[in-house]
């Protein structure tokens, strides 16, 4: 998965577990594409400080995913629902629906 997409999913699922300060910096860097220098100037902290916060945020988000697997489950269900759209056989639809239920 592309890094930006992965970071976006992780943030969507676990972003509320970050502090407000971490969220502001992470959003500016990942979602709004600001540079480290721009964020540092805006937040009145060092560029290295911004880098460290983003690195810690990524580590925290990855850790949450490693424990909870919410993004993994979401992507699996999304893929299975897409395959339902292509099915013409009701038995296959039922089989995929059972897989989705098992995932949940």
N, C-alpha and C. Protein backbone atom coordinates (compact mmCIF):
# COMPACT_ATOMS: atom_id res chain seq x y z
N UNK A 1 0.86 -1.18 0.00
CA UNK A 1 0.00 0.00 0.00
C UNK A 1 0.90 1.24 0.00
N UNK A 2 0.53 2.22 -0.78
CA UNK A 2 1.28 3.46 -0.84
C UNK A 2 1.35 4.08 0.55
N UNK A 3 2.51 4.64 0.89
CA UNK A 3 2.75 5.16 2.24
C UNK A 3 1.74 6.23 2.64
N UNK A 4 1.43 7.14 1.73
CA UNK A 4 0.47 8.20 2.05
C UNK A 4 -0.90 7.62 2.38
N UNK A 5 -1.34 6.66 1.58
CA UNK A 5 -2.64 6.04 1.81
C UNK A 5 -2.64 5.31 3.15
N UNK A 6 -1.56 4.60 3.42
CA UNK A 6 -1.46 3.87 4.69
C UNK A 6 -1.51 4.84 5.87
N UNK A 7 -0.74 5.93 5.79
CA UNK A 7 -0.74 6.92 6.86
C UNK A 7 -2.13 7.53 7.03
N UNK A 8 -2.81 7.77 5.93
CA UNK A 8 -4.15 8.34 6.00
C UNK A 8 -5.12 7.39 6.69
N UNK A 9 -5.08 6.12 6.31
CA UNK A 9 -5.94 5.13 6.96
C UNK A 9 -5.64 5.03 8.45
N UNK A 10 -4.37 4.94 8.78
CA UNK A 10 -4.00 4.84 10.19
C UNK A 10 -4.49 6.05 10.97
N UNK A 11 -4.33 7.22 10.39
CA UNK A 11 -4.78 8.44 11.05
C UNK A 11 -6.31 8.45 11.18
N UNK A 12 -7.01 8.04 10.13
CA UNK A 12 -8.47 8.00 10.18
C UNK A 12 -8.97 7.11 11.32
N UNK A 13 -8.32 5.98 11.49
CA UNK A 13 -8.78 5.02 12.50
C UNK A 13 -8.29 5.35 13.91
N UNK A 14 -7.06 5.85 14.02
CA UNK A 14 -6.46 5.99 15.35
C UNK A 14 -6.05 7.42 15.70
N UNK A 15 -6.30 8.37 14.83
CA UNK A 15 -5.86 9.75 15.05
C UNK A 15 -6.38 10.36 16.34
N UNK A 16 -7.58 9.99 16.74
CA UNK A 16 -8.14 10.56 17.97
C UNK A 16 -7.40 10.11 19.22
N UNK A 17 -6.54 9.12 19.08
CA UNK A 17 -5.75 8.66 20.22
C UNK A 17 -4.48 9.49 20.42
N UNK A 18 -4.18 10.37 19.45
CA UNK A 18 -3.04 11.27 19.57
C UNK A 18 -3.45 12.51 20.36
N UNK A 19 -2.45 13.20 20.91
CA UNK A 19 -2.75 14.46 21.59
C UNK A 19 -3.14 15.51 20.55
N UNK A 20 -3.76 16.57 21.00
CA UNK A 20 -4.17 17.64 20.08
C UNK A 20 -2.96 18.22 19.34
N UNK A 21 -1.87 18.42 20.06
CA UNK A 21 -0.63 18.96 19.46
C UNK A 21 -0.10 18.01 18.40
N UNK A 22 -0.07 16.73 18.71
CA UNK A 22 0.39 15.73 17.74
C UNK A 22 -0.51 15.72 16.51
N UNK A 23 -1.82 15.77 16.72
CA UNK A 23 -2.76 15.76 15.59
C UNK A 23 -2.54 16.96 14.67
N UNK A 24 -2.35 18.13 15.26
CA UNK A 24 -2.14 19.34 14.44
C UNK A 24 -0.91 19.19 13.57
N UNK A 25 0.17 18.73 14.14
CA UNK A 25 1.43 18.59 13.39
C UNK A 25 1.32 17.48 12.36
N UNK A 26 0.75 16.34 12.75
CA UNK A 26 0.61 15.21 11.83
C UNK A 26 -0.28 15.57 10.65
N UNK A 27 -1.40 16.23 10.92
CA UNK A 27 -2.31 16.64 9.85
C UNK A 27 -1.61 17.60 8.89
N UNK A 28 -0.89 18.56 9.45
CA UNK A 28 -0.20 19.54 8.60
C UNK A 28 0.81 18.86 7.69
N UNK A 29 1.53 17.89 8.22
CA UNK A 29 2.58 17.23 7.43
C UNK A 29 2.01 16.21 6.46
N UNK A 30 1.18 15.31 6.95
CA UNK A 30 0.71 14.20 6.13
C UNK A 30 -0.46 14.59 5.24
N UNK A 31 -1.46 15.25 5.81
CA UNK A 31 -2.68 15.52 5.06
C UNK A 31 -2.65 16.82 4.27
N UNK A 32 -1.95 17.82 4.81
CA UNK A 32 -1.91 19.12 4.13
C UNK A 32 -0.60 19.37 3.39
N UNK A 33 0.33 18.43 3.52
CA UNK A 33 1.59 18.44 2.76
C UNK A 33 2.49 19.66 3.06
N UNK A 34 2.45 20.15 4.29
CA UNK A 34 3.38 21.22 4.68
C UNK A 34 4.76 20.62 4.92
N UNK A 35 5.78 21.43 4.73
CA UNK A 35 7.14 20.96 4.98
C UNK A 35 7.43 21.02 6.48
N UNK A 36 8.48 20.32 6.89
CA UNK A 36 8.89 20.35 8.29
C UNK A 36 9.21 21.78 8.72
N UNK A 37 9.87 22.50 7.84
CA UNK A 37 10.26 23.89 8.15
C UNK A 37 9.03 24.78 8.33
N UNK A 38 8.03 24.61 7.48
CA UNK A 38 6.82 25.42 7.58
C UNK A 38 6.07 25.13 8.89
N UNK A 39 5.99 23.87 9.23
CA UNK A 39 5.31 23.51 10.48
C UNK A 39 6.10 24.03 11.68
N UNK A 40 7.41 23.88 11.62
CA UNK A 40 8.26 24.35 12.72
C UNK A 40 8.08 25.85 12.94
N UNK A 41 8.06 26.59 11.87
CA UNK A 41 7.88 28.03 11.98
C UNK A 41 6.49 28.37 12.54
N UNK A 42 5.48 27.70 12.05
CA UNK A 42 4.11 27.95 12.50
C UNK A 42 3.93 27.59 13.97
N UNK A 43 4.53 26.50 14.42
CA UNK A 43 4.35 26.03 15.80
C UNK A 43 5.43 26.55 16.75
N UNK A 44 6.37 27.29 16.19
CA UNK A 44 7.47 27.86 16.97
C UNK A 44 8.27 26.77 17.71
N UNK A 45 8.59 25.72 16.96
CA UNK A 45 9.47 24.67 17.47
C UNK A 45 10.51 24.37 16.39
N UNK A 46 11.50 23.58 16.73
CA UNK A 46 12.55 23.27 15.76
C UNK A 46 12.05 22.29 14.70
N UNK A 47 12.74 22.32 13.58
CA UNK A 47 12.43 21.37 12.50
C UNK A 47 12.62 19.95 12.99
N UNK A 48 13.66 19.74 13.78
CA UNK A 48 13.93 18.42 14.35
C UNK A 48 12.80 17.99 15.29
N UNK A 49 12.28 18.95 16.04
CA UNK A 49 11.16 18.67 16.93
C UNK A 49 9.94 18.20 16.16
N UNK A 50 9.67 18.84 15.03
CA UNK A 50 8.55 18.43 14.18
C UNK A 50 8.79 17.02 13.65
N UNK A 51 10.00 16.79 13.18
CA UNK A 51 10.35 15.46 12.66
C UNK A 51 10.16 14.39 13.73
N UNK A 52 10.60 14.66 14.93
CA UNK A 52 10.47 13.69 16.03
C UNK A 52 9.00 13.41 16.37
N UNK A 53 8.18 14.46 16.38
CA UNK A 53 6.76 14.27 16.67
C UNK A 53 6.10 13.41 15.60
N UNK A 54 6.40 13.68 14.35
CA UNK A 54 5.82 12.90 13.25
C UNK A 54 6.28 11.44 13.34
N UNK A 55 7.54 11.25 13.64
CA UNK A 55 8.08 9.90 13.78
C UNK A 55 7.38 9.16 14.93
N UNK A 56 7.19 9.83 16.06
CA UNK A 56 6.50 9.21 17.20
C UNK A 56 5.04 8.93 16.87
N UNK A 57 4.41 9.84 16.15
CA UNK A 57 3.01 9.62 15.75
C UNK A 57 2.90 8.39 14.86
N UNK A 58 3.78 8.28 13.87
CA UNK A 58 3.77 7.11 13.00
C UNK A 58 3.96 5.83 13.79
N UNK A 59 4.89 5.86 14.73
CA UNK A 59 5.15 4.68 15.55
C UNK A 59 3.93 4.33 16.40
N UNK A 60 3.29 5.33 16.97
CA UNK A 60 2.10 5.09 17.78
C UNK A 60 0.97 4.52 16.94
N UNK A 61 0.73 5.11 15.78
CA UNK A 61 -0.34 4.65 14.91
C UNK A 61 -0.09 3.22 14.44
N UNK A 62 1.16 2.91 14.10
CA UNK A 62 1.53 1.54 13.70
C UNK A 62 1.33 0.57 14.85
N UNK A 63 1.67 1.01 16.05
CA UNK A 63 1.51 0.15 17.23
C UNK A 63 0.03 -0.15 17.49
N UNK A 64 -0.82 0.87 17.37
CA UNK A 64 -2.25 0.65 17.54
C UNK A 64 -2.76 -0.36 16.51
N UNK A 65 -2.32 -0.21 15.27
CA UNK A 65 -2.75 -1.13 14.22
C UNK A 65 -2.25 -2.55 14.48
N UNK A 66 -1.03 -2.68 14.96
CA UNK A 66 -0.47 -3.99 15.26
C UNK A 66 -1.28 -4.70 16.34
N UNK A 67 -1.85 -3.94 17.24
CA UNK A 67 -2.63 -4.53 18.33
C UNK A 67 -4.10 -4.74 17.95
N UNK A 68 -4.68 -3.81 17.20
CA UNK A 68 -6.12 -3.83 16.96
C UNK A 68 -6.52 -4.32 15.56
N UNK A 69 -5.66 -4.14 14.59
CA UNK A 69 -5.89 -4.60 13.21
C UNK A 69 -7.15 -4.03 12.57
N UNK A 70 -7.55 -2.83 12.93
CA UNK A 70 -8.78 -2.25 12.38
C UNK A 70 -8.64 -1.89 10.90
N UNK A 71 -7.51 -1.34 10.52
CA UNK A 71 -7.30 -0.98 9.11
C UNK A 71 -7.26 -2.25 8.27
N UNK A 72 -6.55 -3.25 8.75
CA UNK A 72 -6.46 -4.53 8.04
C UNK A 72 -7.85 -5.14 7.83
N UNK A 73 -8.68 -5.14 8.87
CA UNK A 73 -10.03 -5.69 8.76
C UNK A 73 -10.88 -4.86 7.81
N UNK A 74 -10.74 -3.54 7.90
CA UNK A 74 -11.49 -2.66 7.02
C UNK A 74 -11.15 -2.93 5.55
N UNK A 75 -9.87 -3.03 5.24
CA UNK A 75 -9.45 -3.25 3.86
C UNK A 75 -9.91 -4.62 3.35
N UNK A 76 -9.88 -5.61 4.23
CA UNK A 76 -10.34 -6.94 3.84
C UNK A 76 -11.83 -6.92 3.53
N UNK A 77 -12.61 -6.28 4.38
CA UNK A 77 -14.05 -6.19 4.16
C UNK A 77 -14.35 -5.39 2.90
N UNK A 78 -13.62 -4.32 2.69
CA UNK A 78 -13.80 -3.50 1.49
C UNK A 78 -13.56 -4.34 0.23
N UNK A 79 -12.53 -5.15 0.26
CA UNK A 79 -12.22 -6.02 -0.87
C UNK A 79 -13.32 -7.06 -1.08
N UNK A 80 -13.82 -7.63 0.01
CA UNK A 80 -14.86 -8.64 -0.09
C UNK A 80 -16.17 -8.05 -0.60
N UNK A 81 -16.49 -6.86 -0.16
CA UNK A 81 -17.70 -6.19 -0.66
C UNK A 81 -17.57 -5.90 -2.16
N UNK A 82 -16.39 -5.52 -2.58
CA UNK A 82 -16.16 -5.29 -4.01
C UNK A 82 -16.38 -6.57 -4.80
N UNK A 83 -15.95 -7.68 -4.24
CA UNK A 83 -16.14 -8.94 -4.95
C UNK A 83 -17.62 -9.35 -4.98
N UNK A 84 -18.39 -8.95 -3.98
CA UNK A 84 -19.83 -9.23 -4.01
C UNK A 84 -20.48 -8.52 -5.19
N UNK A 85 -20.03 -7.31 -5.45
CA UNK A 85 -20.61 -6.54 -6.55
C UNK A 85 -20.45 -7.27 -7.89
N UNK A 86 -19.40 -8.09 -8.00
CA UNK A 86 -19.10 -8.79 -9.26
C UNK A 86 -19.79 -10.15 -9.34
N UNK A 87 -20.32 -10.63 -8.24
CA UNK A 87 -20.92 -11.97 -8.20
C UNK A 87 -22.26 -12.01 -8.91
N UNK A 88 -22.49 -13.13 -9.53
CA UNK A 88 -23.78 -13.38 -10.15
C UNK A 88 -24.48 -14.57 -9.49
N UNK A 89 -23.72 -15.31 -8.72
CA UNK A 89 -24.25 -16.50 -8.07
C UNK A 89 -24.57 -16.20 -6.61
N UNK A 90 -25.80 -16.46 -6.20
CA UNK A 90 -26.23 -16.14 -4.83
C UNK A 90 -25.46 -16.93 -3.79
N UNK A 91 -25.06 -18.15 -4.14
CA UNK A 91 -24.28 -18.95 -3.18
C UNK A 91 -22.91 -18.34 -2.92
N UNK A 92 -22.32 -17.80 -3.96
CA UNK A 92 -21.02 -17.14 -3.77
C UNK A 92 -21.18 -15.87 -2.94
N UNK A 93 -22.26 -15.15 -3.13
CA UNK A 93 -22.54 -13.96 -2.33
C UNK A 93 -22.68 -14.35 -0.87
N UNK A 94 -23.40 -15.43 -0.61
CA UNK A 94 -23.56 -15.90 0.77
C UNK A 94 -22.22 -16.29 1.38
N UNK A 95 -21.39 -16.94 0.61
CA UNK A 95 -20.07 -17.36 1.08
C UNK A 95 -19.23 -16.13 1.46
N UNK A 96 -19.23 -15.12 0.61
CA UNK A 96 -18.47 -13.90 0.89
C UNK A 96 -19.07 -13.18 2.10
N UNK A 97 -20.39 -13.16 2.19
CA UNK A 97 -21.03 -12.53 3.36
C UNK A 97 -20.61 -13.22 4.65
N UNK A 98 -20.53 -14.54 4.61
CA UNK A 98 -20.06 -15.30 5.79
C UNK A 98 -18.62 -14.93 6.15
N UNK A 99 -17.78 -14.75 5.12
CA UNK A 99 -16.39 -14.34 5.37
C UNK A 99 -16.34 -12.97 6.03
N UNK A 100 -17.20 -12.08 5.58
CA UNK A 100 -17.24 -10.74 6.17
C UNK A 100 -17.67 -10.83 7.63
N UNK A 101 -18.68 -11.61 7.90
CA UNK A 101 -19.15 -11.78 9.28
C UNK A 101 -18.04 -12.36 10.15
N UNK A 102 -17.30 -13.33 9.62
CA UNK A 102 -16.19 -13.92 10.38
C UNK A 102 -15.10 -12.89 10.67
N UNK A 103 -14.89 -11.98 9.72
CA UNK A 103 -13.88 -10.94 9.91
C UNK A 103 -14.26 -10.01 11.05
N UNK A 104 -15.55 -9.75 11.15
CA UNK A 104 -16.02 -8.85 12.20
C UNK A 104 -15.96 -9.54 13.53
